Amino acid sequence: MKRRARAKAKKPDDKSEEKKQFIEKRDLYMIVGAIVALIVIFMVASAIFKQIGKIEYGGLTFVKDKFGDIPIYRHGYHFTTASGEIINYNFYVRVNPKENNVPVSGEIVFPGE
């Protein structure tokens, strides 16, 4: 009888082994799911924070900056001169362009273009 008891004790139980594998797979899926959720949250938060300081008005994108304690709104414009030199022009306004009642129409024309 002692031999039978030992043989049964050494034989692994199939149900408990399947249960362990199920628990391991479930834990792995939970970890992978948590990592994917964190990545999605990070990407959404990044997109939101990038848009906080930007203002669209009249086809122009203004970025809110500070000049000391004074809030200003800047639009950057790049153009090429007749000699081929690339110039960066920054257009600054002090009032939020969306709150301003000045219409935007026409084109920006620089001398020498």
Protein backbone atom coordinates (compact mmCIF):
# COMPACT_ATOMS: atom_id res chain seq x y z
CA MET A 1 0.00 0.00 0.00
CA LYS A 2 2.80 2.39 0.61
CA ARG A 3 3.90 2.10 -2.99
CA ARG A 4 0.50 3.14 -4.30
CA ALA A 5 0.38 6.18 -2.05
CA ARG A 6 3.82 7.28 -3.22
CA ALA A 7 2.95 6.76 -6.86
CA LYS A 8 -0.20 8.82 -6.53
CA ALA A 9 1.63 11.59 -4.69
CA LYS A 10 4.31 11.89 -7.39
CA LYS A 11 1.81 11.98 -10.26
CA PRO A 12 0.91 15.62 -10.99
CA ASP A 13 -2.74 16.50 -10.91
CA ASP A 14 -3.85 17.57 -14.42
CA LYS A 15 -6.58 19.89 -13.15
CA SER A 16 -4.29 21.82 -10.83
CA GLU A 17 -1.67 22.13 -13.60
CA GLU A 18 -4.27 23.51 -16.03
CA LYS A 19 -5.47 25.93 -13.37
CA LYS A 20 -1.90 27.19 -12.80
CA GLN A 21 -1.42 27.73 -16.54
CA PHE A 22 -4.75 29.56 -16.77
CA ILE A 23 -3.77 31.85 -13.88
CA GLU A 24 -0.36 32.54 -15.44
CA LYS A 25 -1.94 33.41 -18.81
CA ARG A 26 -4.54 35.63 -17.12
CA ASP A 27 -1.81 37.47 -15.21
CA LEU A 28 0.20 37.93 -18.41
CA TYR A 29 -2.84 39.33 -20.24
CA MET A 30 -3.51 41.71 -17.35
CA ILE A 31 0.08 43.00 -17.41
CA VAL A 32 0.09 43.46 -21.18
CA GLY A 33 -3.33 45.14 -21.01
CA ALA A 34 -2.12 47.53 -18.31
CA ILE A 35 0.95 48.46 -20.38
CA VAL A 36 -1.19 49.08 -23.49
CA ALA A 37 -3.61 51.18 -21.43
CA LEU A 38 -0.73 53.29 -20.06
CA ILE A 39 0.63 53.85 -23.57
CA VAL A 40 -2.79 54.96 -24.83
CA ILE A 41 -3.24 57.31 -21.85
CA PHE A 42 0.22 58.78 -22.45
CA MET A 43 -0.47 59.38 -26.15
CA VAL A 44 -3.85 61.04 -25.49
CA ALA A 45 -2.39 63.25 -22.75
CA SER A 46 0.51 64.24 -25.00
CA ALA A 47 -1.86 65.25 -27.82
CA ILE A 48 -3.98 67.30 -25.42
CA PHE A 49 -1.00 69.12 -23.90
CA LYS A 50 0.42 69.96 -27.33
CA GLN A 51 -2.83 71.70 -28.27
CA ILE A 52 -3.19 73.75 -25.08
CA GLY A 53 -1.08 76.73 -26.18
CA LYS A 54 -2.16 76.79 -29.85
CA ILE A 55 -4.89 78.98 -31.31
CA GLU A 56 -6.30 78.71 -34.85
CA TYR A 57 -7.65 81.89 -36.39
CA GLY A 58 -8.12 82.85 -40.02
CA GLY A 59 -6.01 79.95 -41.30
CA LEU A 60 -3.09 80.97 -39.08
CA THR A 61 -1.80 79.04 -36.09
CA PHE A 62 -0.76 81.21 -33.17
CA VAL A 63 1.27 79.96 -30.22
CA LYS A 64 0.84 81.58 -26.82
CA ASP A 65 4.14 82.81 -25.37
CA LYS A 66 5.17 85.05 -22.51
CA PHE A 67 7.28 88.19 -22.89
CA GLY A 68 8.17 88.74 -19.26
CA ASP A 69 4.76 88.92 -17.59
CA ILE A 70 2.97 89.95 -20.79
CA PRO A 71 1.13 87.19 -22.71
CA ILE A 72 1.70 87.42 -26.47
CA TYR A 73 0.57 85.34 -29.44
CA ARG A 74 3.07 84.44 -32.18
CA HIS A 75 2.67 83.16 -35.72
CA GLY A 76 5.84 82.03 -37.51
CA TYR A 77 6.17 82.51 -41.25
CA HIS A 78 9.07 81.32 -43.44
CA PHE A 79 9.77 82.82 -46.83
CA THR A 80 12.58 82.88 -49.37
CA THR A 81 14.07 86.10 -50.70
CA ALA A 82 14.96 86.71 -54.35
CA SER A 83 18.56 85.77 -53.54
CA GLY A 84 17.44 82.39 -52.12
CA GLU A 85 17.92 83.26 -48.46
CA ILE A 86 15.35 81.69 -46.10
CA ILE A 87 13.95 84.16 -43.59
CA ASN A 88 11.89 83.37 -40.50
CA TYR A 89 9.37 86.12 -39.77
CA ASN A 90 7.42 86.12 -36.51
CA PHE A 91 4.14 87.98 -36.36
CA TYR A 92 3.23 88.96 -32.78
CA VAL A 93 -0.11 90.15 -31.38
CA ARG A 94 -0.85 91.05 -27.80
CA VAL A 95 -4.57 90.19 -27.77
CA ASN A 96 -5.93 86.69 -28.32
CA PRO A 97 -6.68 86.53 -32.08
CA LYS A 98 -9.99 84.72 -31.46
CA GLU A 99 -11.17 87.57 -29.25
CA ASN A 100 -10.01 90.23 -31.70
CA ASN A 101 -12.55 91.73 -34.14
CA VAL A 102 -10.05 92.45 -36.92
CA PRO A 103 -10.83 90.41 -40.07
CA VAL A 104 -8.08 88.42 -41.76
CA SER A 105 -8.15 88.63 -45.52
CA GLY A 106 -5.71 88.87 -48.40
CA GLU A 107 -2.19 87.51 -48.62
CA ILE A 108 1.04 88.28 -46.86
CA VAL A 109 3.34 90.01 -49.35
CA PHE A 110 6.91 90.93 -48.55
CA PRO A 111 8.97 93.37 -50.63
CA GLY A 112 11.26 91.66 -53.11
CA GLU A 113 9.13 88.56 -53.65
